[in-house]
């Protein structure tokens, strides 16, 4: 059994994570909402932009969602001409995903908002806090990292 003081500290950490995440996505959520899109659409755009022409199955694995959960948002992005499907040259049954020029612009705008926010937060908190935050996030995200223990390639 945890001491009450430690329990309160852990509850505060949960709350900070909740409210911090909410603040982190708020500006991007407003941009998305203006287009009738949501956070799941942003995640798709973000990872399609950073993975090299992922297949639908690769995107499913990366996002850890079902085909059913991905199908609707992919249709929305396709309907808004933000994402395109290409048949893989090595196997015509495989659909590869790419961002259209409009999709690249939207994804770039959304990610720029979040990069700016991280930049301001890290500047305010200081380099030591940033290093500590990154270390904690790597431990927290460890089950989601690839088998080599690293984040997706930067780009």
N, C-alpha and C. Protein backbone atom coordinates (compact mmCIF):
# COMPACT_ATOMS: atom_id res chain seq x y z
N UNK A 1 0.85 -1.19 0.00
CA UNK A 1 0.00 0.00 0.00
C UNK A 1 0.88 1.24 0.00
N UNK A 2 0.57 2.18 -0.86
CA UNK A 2 1.33 3.43 -0.94
C UNK A 2 0.96 4.36 0.19
N UNK A 3 1.95 5.15 0.57
CA UNK A 3 1.68 6.19 1.56
C UNK A 3 0.74 7.22 0.93
N UNK A 4 -0.11 7.85 1.72
CA UNK A 4 -1.04 8.85 1.17
C UNK A 4 -0.33 9.98 0.43
N UNK A 5 0.81 10.41 0.90
CA UNK A 5 1.53 11.51 0.23
C UNK A 5 1.99 11.06 -1.16
N UNK A 6 2.49 9.82 -1.27
CA UNK A 6 2.95 9.31 -2.57
C UNK A 6 1.76 9.12 -3.50
N UNK A 7 0.66 8.62 -2.96
CA UNK A 7 -0.56 8.45 -3.75
C UNK A 7 -0.99 9.81 -4.33
N UNK A 8 -0.94 10.85 -3.53
CA UNK A 8 -1.33 12.19 -4.00
C UNK A 8 -0.36 12.67 -5.08
N UNK A 9 0.94 12.40 -4.93
CA UNK A 9 1.92 12.80 -5.95
C UNK A 9 1.65 12.08 -7.27
N UNK A 10 1.34 10.80 -7.19
CA UNK A 10 1.06 10.03 -8.40
C UNK A 10 -0.24 10.50 -9.05
N UNK A 11 -1.24 10.81 -8.25
CA UNK A 11 -2.48 11.36 -8.81
C UNK A 11 -2.20 12.70 -9.50
N UNK A 12 -1.35 13.52 -8.89
CA UNK A 12 -0.99 14.80 -9.51
C UNK A 12 -0.28 14.58 -10.84
N UNK A 13 0.57 13.54 -10.92
CA UNK A 13 1.26 13.23 -12.18
C UNK A 13 0.26 12.84 -13.26
N UNK A 14 -0.73 12.04 -12.90
CA UNK A 14 -1.78 11.65 -13.85
C UNK A 14 -2.51 12.89 -14.35
N UNK A 15 -2.85 13.78 -13.43
CA UNK A 15 -3.58 14.99 -13.81
C UNK A 15 -2.72 15.89 -14.70
N UNK A 16 -1.44 16.03 -14.36
CA UNK A 16 -0.54 16.84 -15.19
C UNK A 16 -0.44 16.27 -16.60
N UNK A 17 -0.36 14.95 -16.70
CA UNK A 17 -0.30 14.32 -18.02
C UNK A 17 -1.58 14.61 -18.80
N UNK A 18 -2.71 14.48 -18.15
CA UNK A 18 -4.00 14.74 -18.81
C UNK A 18 -4.08 16.19 -19.28
N UNK A 19 -3.85 17.12 -18.38
CA UNK A 19 -4.01 18.53 -18.73
C UNK A 19 -2.89 19.01 -19.66
N UNK A 20 -1.70 18.48 -19.49
CA UNK A 20 -0.60 18.84 -20.39
C UNK A 20 -0.89 18.38 -21.81
N UNK A 21 -1.38 17.15 -21.96
CA UNK A 21 -1.72 16.65 -23.29
C UNK A 21 -2.84 17.48 -23.90
N UNK A 22 -3.84 17.78 -23.09
CA UNK A 22 -4.96 18.58 -23.59
C UNK A 22 -4.48 19.94 -24.09
N UNK A 23 -3.57 20.57 -23.34
CA UNK A 23 -3.02 21.86 -23.76
C UNK A 23 -2.17 21.70 -25.02
N UNK A 24 -1.47 20.58 -25.12
CA UNK A 24 -0.59 20.35 -26.27
C UNK A 24 -1.36 20.21 -27.58
N UNK A 25 -2.53 19.65 -27.52
CA UNK A 25 -3.30 19.39 -28.74
C UNK A 25 -4.38 20.43 -29.02
N UNK A 26 -4.58 21.37 -28.12
CA UNK A 26 -5.71 22.30 -28.23
C UNK A 26 -5.68 23.12 -29.51
N UNK A 27 -4.56 23.73 -29.85
CA UNK A 27 -4.50 24.58 -31.05
C UNK A 27 -4.70 23.74 -32.31
N UNK A 28 -4.04 22.61 -32.37
CA UNK A 28 -4.20 21.73 -33.54
C UNK A 28 -5.63 21.23 -33.64
N UNK A 29 -6.25 20.92 -32.50
CA UNK A 29 -7.64 20.46 -32.51
C UNK A 29 -8.57 21.51 -33.11
N UNK A 30 -8.32 22.78 -32.82
CA UNK A 30 -9.17 23.85 -33.37
C UNK A 30 -9.01 23.93 -34.89
N UNK A 31 -7.78 23.80 -35.38
CA UNK A 31 -7.54 23.82 -36.83
C UNK A 31 -8.26 22.64 -37.48
N UNK A 32 -8.14 21.48 -36.87
CA UNK A 32 -8.80 20.28 -37.40
C UNK A 32 -10.32 20.41 -37.37
N UNK A 33 -10.86 20.91 -36.28
CA UNK A 33 -12.31 21.04 -36.14
C UNK A 33 -12.90 21.94 -37.23
N UNK A 34 -12.15 22.95 -37.63
CA UNK A 34 -12.62 23.84 -38.69
C UNK A 34 -12.80 23.10 -40.00
N UNK A 35 -12.13 21.95 -40.14
CA UNK A 35 -12.25 21.13 -41.35
C UNK A 35 -13.14 19.91 -41.12
N UNK A 36 -13.72 19.81 -39.94
CA UNK A 36 -14.54 18.65 -39.61
C UNK A 36 -13.71 17.42 -39.31
N UNK A 37 -12.46 17.63 -38.90
CA UNK A 37 -11.54 16.53 -38.59
C UNK A 37 -11.24 16.51 -37.10
N UNK A 38 -10.58 15.44 -36.67
CA UNK A 38 -10.28 15.27 -35.25
C UNK A 38 -8.83 14.82 -35.06
N UNK A 39 -8.51 14.57 -33.81
CA UNK A 39 -7.16 14.16 -33.43
C UNK A 39 -6.69 12.90 -34.15
N UNK A 40 -7.59 11.96 -34.38
CA UNK A 40 -7.19 10.74 -35.07
C UNK A 40 -6.73 11.06 -36.50
N UNK A 41 -7.38 12.02 -37.13
CA UNK A 41 -6.96 12.44 -38.47
C UNK A 41 -5.54 13.04 -38.41
N UNK A 42 -5.28 13.81 -37.36
CA UNK A 42 -3.94 14.40 -37.21
C UNK A 42 -2.90 13.30 -37.03
N UNK A 43 -3.20 12.30 -36.21
CA UNK A 43 -2.23 11.21 -36.01
C UNK A 43 -1.93 10.50 -37.33
N UNK A 44 -2.96 10.29 -38.13
CA UNK A 44 -2.75 9.64 -39.43
C UNK A 44 -1.85 10.51 -40.31
N UNK A 45 -2.19 11.78 -40.42
CA UNK A 45 -1.37 12.69 -41.23
C UNK A 45 0.06 12.72 -40.74
N UNK A 46 0.23 12.81 -39.42
CA UNK A 46 1.57 12.89 -38.83
C UNK A 46 2.41 11.67 -39.19
N UNK A 47 1.86 10.49 -39.00
CA UNK A 47 2.66 9.28 -39.25
C UNK A 47 2.82 8.97 -40.73
N UNK A 48 1.85 9.29 -41.55
CA UNK A 48 2.04 9.11 -42.99
C UNK A 48 3.16 10.04 -43.46
N UNK A 49 3.24 11.24 -42.88
CA UNK A 49 4.30 12.18 -43.25
C UNK A 49 5.69 11.67 -42.84
N UNK A 50 5.77 10.90 -41.77
CA UNK A 50 7.07 10.50 -41.25
C UNK A 50 7.50 9.09 -41.62
N UNK A 51 6.58 8.28 -42.02
CA UNK A 51 6.92 6.94 -42.49
C UNK A 51 7.09 7.01 -44.00
N UNK A 52 7.88 6.16 -44.54
CA UNK A 52 8.13 6.16 -45.98
C UNK A 52 7.04 5.39 -46.72
N UNK A 53 6.05 6.15 -47.24
CA UNK A 53 4.95 5.54 -47.98
C UNK A 53 4.42 4.29 -47.29
N UNK A 54 3.90 4.44 -46.08
CA UNK A 54 3.47 3.24 -45.34
C UNK A 54 2.29 2.55 -46.02
N UNK A 55 2.24 1.25 -45.84
CA UNK A 55 1.05 0.52 -46.26
C UNK A 55 -0.02 0.76 -45.20
N UNK A 56 -1.24 0.43 -45.54
CA UNK A 56 -2.32 0.56 -44.57
C UNK A 56 -2.01 -0.31 -43.35
N UNK A 57 -1.49 -1.52 -43.57
CA UNK A 57 -1.16 -2.40 -42.45
C UNK A 57 -0.04 -1.82 -41.58
N UNK A 58 0.95 -1.18 -42.19
CA UNK A 58 2.02 -0.55 -41.40
C UNK A 58 1.45 0.57 -40.54
N UNK A 59 0.54 1.33 -41.10
CA UNK A 59 -0.09 2.41 -40.34
C UNK A 59 -0.94 1.84 -39.20
N UNK A 60 -1.65 0.75 -39.48
CA UNK A 60 -2.44 0.08 -38.43
C UNK A 60 -1.55 -0.33 -37.26
N UNK A 61 -0.40 -0.93 -37.57
CA UNK A 61 0.52 -1.35 -36.51
C UNK A 61 1.08 -0.15 -35.76
N UNK A 62 1.45 0.89 -36.47
CA UNK A 62 2.03 2.07 -35.82
C UNK A 62 1.03 2.72 -34.87
N UNK A 63 -0.22 2.85 -35.32
CA UNK A 63 -1.24 3.50 -34.51
C UNK A 63 -1.88 2.56 -33.50
N UNK A 64 -1.67 1.25 -33.68
CA UNK A 64 -2.26 0.23 -32.81
C UNK A 64 -3.78 0.36 -32.75
N UNK A 65 -4.37 0.43 -33.94
CA UNK A 65 -5.83 0.50 -34.04
C UNK A 65 -6.30 -0.59 -34.99
N UNK A 66 -7.61 -0.83 -34.99
CA UNK A 66 -8.18 -1.83 -35.88
C UNK A 66 -8.41 -1.23 -37.27
N UNK A 67 -8.59 -2.11 -38.24
CA UNK A 67 -8.94 -1.64 -39.60
C UNK A 67 -10.22 -0.82 -39.57
N UNK A 68 -11.16 -1.26 -38.77
CA UNK A 68 -12.44 -0.57 -38.67
C UNK A 68 -12.24 0.85 -38.12
N UNK A 69 -11.38 1.01 -37.12
CA UNK A 69 -11.14 2.33 -36.53
C UNK A 69 -10.40 3.26 -37.49
N UNK A 70 -9.59 2.69 -38.37
CA UNK A 70 -8.81 3.49 -39.31
C UNK A 70 -9.59 3.82 -40.58
N UNK A 71 -10.50 2.96 -40.96
CA UNK A 71 -11.18 3.10 -42.25
C UNK A 71 -11.91 4.43 -42.41
N UNK A 72 -12.72 4.81 -41.46
CA UNK A 72 -13.49 6.05 -41.56
C UNK A 72 -12.61 7.29 -41.68
N UNK A 73 -11.65 7.46 -40.76
CA UNK A 73 -10.76 8.62 -40.87
C UNK A 73 -9.96 8.65 -42.17
N UNK A 74 -9.53 7.50 -42.66
CA UNK A 74 -8.81 7.47 -43.95
C UNK A 74 -9.74 7.93 -45.08
N UNK A 75 -10.99 7.49 -45.05
CA UNK A 75 -11.97 7.93 -46.06
C UNK A 75 -12.16 9.44 -45.99
N UNK A 76 -12.24 9.98 -44.77
CA UNK A 76 -12.40 11.43 -44.61
C UNK A 76 -11.22 12.18 -45.22
N UNK A 77 -10.01 11.72 -44.92
CA UNK A 77 -8.81 12.38 -45.43
C UNK A 77 -8.73 12.27 -46.94
N UNK A 78 -9.14 11.14 -47.48
CA UNK A 78 -9.16 10.94 -48.93
C UNK A 78 -10.21 11.87 -49.56
N UNK A 79 -11.37 11.96 -48.95
CA UNK A 79 -12.45 12.80 -49.48
C UNK A 79 -12.04 14.28 -49.50
N UNK A 80 -11.24 14.69 -48.52
CA UNK A 80 -10.77 16.07 -48.47
C UNK A 80 -9.47 16.26 -49.27
N UNK A 81 -9.08 15.24 -50.00
CA UNK A 81 -7.89 15.26 -50.85
C UNK A 81 -6.63 15.63 -50.05
N UNK A 82 -6.52 15.02 -48.86
CA UNK A 82 -5.35 15.22 -48.01
C UNK A 82 -4.42 14.02 -48.04
N UNK A 83 -4.95 12.90 -48.48
CA UNK A 83 -4.18 11.66 -48.53
C UNK A 83 -4.49 10.95 -49.84
N UNK A 84 -3.50 10.23 -50.35
CA UNK A 84 -3.69 9.48 -51.59
C UNK A 84 -3.27 8.03 -51.35
N UNK A 85 -3.88 7.14 -52.10
CA UNK A 85 -3.54 5.72 -52.07
C UNK A 85 -2.84 5.38 -53.37
N UNK A 86 -1.74 4.65 -53.25
CA UNK A 86 -1.03 4.16 -54.43
C UNK A 86 -0.84 2.67 -54.29
N UNK A 87 -0.97 1.95 -55.37
CA UNK A 87 -0.69 0.51 -55.35
C UNK A 87 0.82 0.32 -55.27
N UNK A 88 1.24 -0.59 -54.42
CA UNK A 88 2.67 -0.87 -54.27
C UNK A 88 3.18 -1.54 -55.54
N UNK A 89 4.36 -1.15 -56.00
CA UNK A 89 4.91 -1.75 -57.22
C UNK A 89 5.26 -3.21 -57.00
N UNK A 90 5.63 -3.58 -55.79
CA UNK A 90 6.03 -4.96 -55.51
C UNK A 90 4.84 -5.90 -55.30
N UNK A 91 3.65 -5.33 -54.97
CA UNK A 91 2.48 -6.16 -54.73
C UNK A 91 1.24 -5.28 -54.90
N UNK A 92 0.52 -5.47 -55.98
CA UNK A 92 -0.62 -4.62 -56.32
C UNK A 92 -1.75 -4.70 -55.29
N UNK A 93 -1.72 -5.72 -54.43
CA UNK A 93 -2.75 -5.82 -53.39
C UNK A 93 -2.50 -4.84 -52.24
N UNK A 94 -1.28 -4.32 -52.15
CA UNK A 94 -0.89 -3.44 -51.05
C UNK A 94 -1.13 -1.98 -51.43
N UNK A 95 -1.84 -1.27 -50.57
CA UNK A 95 -2.05 0.17 -50.76
C UNK A 95 -1.01 0.93 -49.95
N UNK A 96 -0.32 1.83 -50.61
CA UNK A 96 0.64 2.71 -49.94
C UNK A 96 -0.01 4.08 -49.77
N UNK A 97 0.26 4.72 -48.66
CA UNK A 97 -0.34 6.01 -48.34
C UNK A 97 0.68 7.12 -48.53
N UNK A 98 0.22 8.21 -49.10
CA UNK A 98 1.04 9.42 -49.22
C UNK A 98 0.16 10.62 -48.94
N UNK A 99 0.81 11.70 -48.54
CA UNK A 99 0.09 12.95 -48.36
C UNK A 99 0.06 13.69 -49.69
N UNK A 100 -1.07 14.28 -49.97
CA UNK A 100 -1.17 15.16 -51.14
C UNK A 100 -0.49 16.48 -50.77
N UNK A 101 -0.28 17.37 -51.72
CA UNK A 101 0.27 18.68 -51.35
C UNK A 101 -0.57 19.38 -50.27
N UNK A 102 -1.91 19.30 -50.37
CA UNK A 102 -2.76 19.90 -49.33
C UNK A 102 -2.58 19.19 -47.99
N UNK A 103 -2.42 17.88 -48.02
CA UNK A 103 -2.18 17.10 -46.80
C UNK A 103 -0.86 17.48 -46.16
N UNK A 104 0.17 17.68 -46.98
CA UNK A 104 1.48 18.10 -46.45
C UNK A 104 1.38 19.47 -45.79
N UNK A 105 0.63 20.38 -46.42
CA UNK A 105 0.48 21.72 -45.83
C UNK A 105 -0.25 21.66 -44.49
N UNK A 106 -1.34 20.89 -44.45
CA UNK A 106 -2.10 20.80 -43.20
C UNK A 106 -1.27 20.13 -42.12
N UNK A 107 -0.64 19.01 -42.45
CA UNK A 107 0.18 18.32 -41.45
C UNK A 107 1.30 19.23 -40.97
N UNK A 108 1.93 19.95 -41.89
CA UNK A 108 3.00 20.87 -41.52
C UNK A 108 2.52 21.96 -40.58
N UNK A 109 1.34 22.48 -40.84
CA UNK A 109 0.77 23.53 -39.97
C UNK A 109 0.48 22.99 -38.58
N UNK A 110 -0.15 21.81 -38.51
CA UNK A 110 -0.48 21.21 -37.23
C UNK A 110 0.76 20.89 -36.41
N UNK A 111 1.74 20.27 -37.05
CA UNK A 111 2.97 19.90 -36.34
C UNK A 111 3.78 21.12 -35.95
N UNK A 112 3.75 22.17 -36.78
CA UNK A 112 4.46 23.40 -36.43
C UNK A 112 3.88 24.01 -35.16
N UNK A 113 2.56 23.98 -35.01
CA UNK A 113 1.94 24.50 -33.79
C UNK A 113 2.46 23.75 -32.57
N UNK A 114 2.57 22.44 -32.68
CA UNK A 114 3.02 21.64 -31.54
C UNK A 114 4.52 21.79 -31.30
N UNK A 115 5.31 21.89 -32.37
CA UNK A 115 6.75 22.13 -32.18
C UNK A 115 6.99 23.47 -31.49
N UNK A 116 6.24 24.49 -31.91
CA UNK A 116 6.38 25.81 -31.28
C UNK A 116 6.04 25.73 -29.80
N UNK A 117 5.00 24.98 -29.48
CA UNK A 117 4.61 24.86 -28.07
C UNK A 117 5.68 24.13 -27.28
N UNK A 118 6.22 23.05 -27.81
CA UNK A 118 7.30 22.35 -27.11
C UNK A 118 8.52 23.25 -26.96
N UNK A 119 8.84 23.98 -28.00
CA UNK A 119 9.99 24.88 -27.94
C UNK A 119 9.82 25.89 -26.80
N UNK A 120 8.64 26.49 -26.69
CA UNK A 120 8.38 27.47 -25.63
C UNK A 120 8.42 26.82 -24.25
N UNK A 121 7.82 25.65 -24.13
CA UNK A 121 7.79 24.94 -22.84
C UNK A 121 9.20 24.56 -22.41
N UNK A 122 9.98 24.01 -23.33
CA UNK A 122 11.33 23.60 -22.99
C UNK A 122 12.20 24.81 -22.65
N UNK A 123 12.00 25.91 -23.34
CA UNK A 123 12.76 27.12 -23.04
C UNK A 123 12.41 27.62 -21.63
N UNK A 124 11.13 27.57 -21.29
CA UNK A 124 10.69 28.03 -19.97
C UNK A 124 11.15 27.10 -18.85
N UNK A 125 11.11 25.80 -19.10
CA UNK A 125 11.46 24.83 -18.06
C UNK A 125 12.97 24.64 -17.92
N UNK A 126 13.72 24.86 -18.99
CA UNK A 126 15.17 24.71 -18.94
C UNK A 126 15.64 23.37 -19.47
N UNK A 127 16.92 23.36 -19.84
CA UNK A 127 17.50 22.17 -20.47
C UNK A 127 17.45 20.95 -19.57
N UNK A 128 17.70 21.12 -18.28
CA UNK A 128 17.68 19.97 -17.35
C UNK A 128 16.28 19.37 -17.29
N UNK A 129 15.27 20.22 -17.24
CA UNK A 129 13.89 19.72 -17.20
C UNK A 129 13.55 19.00 -18.50
N UNK A 130 14.02 19.53 -19.64
CA UNK A 130 13.76 18.87 -20.91
C UNK A 130 14.38 17.48 -20.94
N UNK A 131 15.61 17.37 -20.49
CA UNK A 131 16.28 16.06 -20.47
C UNK A 131 15.51 15.09 -19.57
N UNK A 132 15.07 15.56 -18.41
CA UNK A 132 14.30 14.72 -17.49
C UNK A 132 12.97 14.31 -18.09
N UNK A 133 12.30 15.25 -18.75
CA UNK A 133 11.02 14.95 -19.38
C UNK A 133 11.20 13.89 -20.46
N UNK A 134 12.22 14.08 -21.30
CA UNK A 134 12.46 13.11 -22.37
C UNK A 134 12.76 11.72 -21.81
N UNK A 135 13.56 11.67 -20.74
CA UNK A 135 13.89 10.38 -20.12
C UNK A 135 12.62 9.70 -19.59
N UNK A 136 11.75 10.46 -18.94
CA UNK A 136 10.52 9.89 -18.41
C UNK A 136 9.61 9.42 -19.55
N UNK A 137 9.51 10.19 -20.62
CA UNK A 137 8.65 9.82 -21.75
C UNK A 137 9.17 8.57 -22.46
N UNK A 138 10.49 8.43 -22.56
CA UNK A 138 11.05 7.22 -23.18
C UNK A 138 10.68 5.99 -22.36
N UNK A 139 10.77 6.10 -21.04
CA UNK A 139 10.38 4.97 -20.19
C UNK A 139 8.89 4.69 -20.34
N UNK A 140 8.07 5.74 -20.32
CA UNK A 140 6.63 5.58 -20.46
C UNK A 140 6.27 4.97 -21.81
N UNK A 141 6.94 5.42 -22.87
CA UNK A 141 6.62 4.98 -24.23
C UNK A 141 7.31 3.68 -24.62
N UNK A 142 8.16 3.14 -23.78
CA UNK A 142 8.97 1.97 -24.13
C UNK A 142 8.16 0.86 -24.80
N UNK A 143 6.97 0.51 -24.31
CA UNK A 143 6.22 -0.57 -24.99
C UNK A 143 5.83 -0.21 -26.42
N UNK A 144 5.77 1.08 -26.73
CA UNK A 144 5.35 1.53 -28.05
C UNK A 144 6.51 1.76 -29.01
N UNK A 145 7.72 1.77 -28.49
CA UNK A 145 8.88 2.00 -29.34
C UNK A 145 9.16 0.76 -30.19
N UNK A 146 9.89 0.95 -31.26
CA UNK A 146 10.16 -0.21 -32.12
C UNK A 146 11.09 -1.19 -31.41
N UNK A 147 11.27 -2.34 -31.98
CA UNK A 147 12.06 -3.40 -31.33
C UNK A 147 13.50 -3.00 -31.06
N UNK A 148 14.03 -2.08 -31.83
CA UNK A 148 15.39 -1.61 -31.61
C UNK A 148 15.46 -0.60 -30.46
N UNK A 149 14.29 -0.23 -29.90
CA UNK A 149 14.27 0.67 -28.77
C UNK A 149 14.44 2.13 -29.14
N UNK A 150 14.01 2.51 -30.33
CA UNK A 150 14.17 3.91 -30.73
C UNK A 150 12.86 4.42 -31.30
N UNK A 151 12.75 5.72 -31.32
CA UNK A 151 11.58 6.35 -31.91
C UNK A 151 11.65 6.22 -33.43
N UNK A 152 10.57 6.57 -34.09
CA UNK A 152 10.56 6.58 -35.55
C UNK A 152 11.62 7.52 -36.06
N UNK A 153 12.10 7.28 -37.27
CA UNK A 153 13.09 8.22 -37.85
C UNK A 153 12.54 9.63 -37.84
N UNK A 154 13.40 10.57 -37.55
CA UNK A 154 12.98 11.97 -37.53
C UNK A 154 12.89 12.49 -38.95
N UNK A 155 12.00 13.42 -39.16
CA UNK A 155 11.89 13.99 -40.49
C UNK A 155 10.70 14.88 -40.63
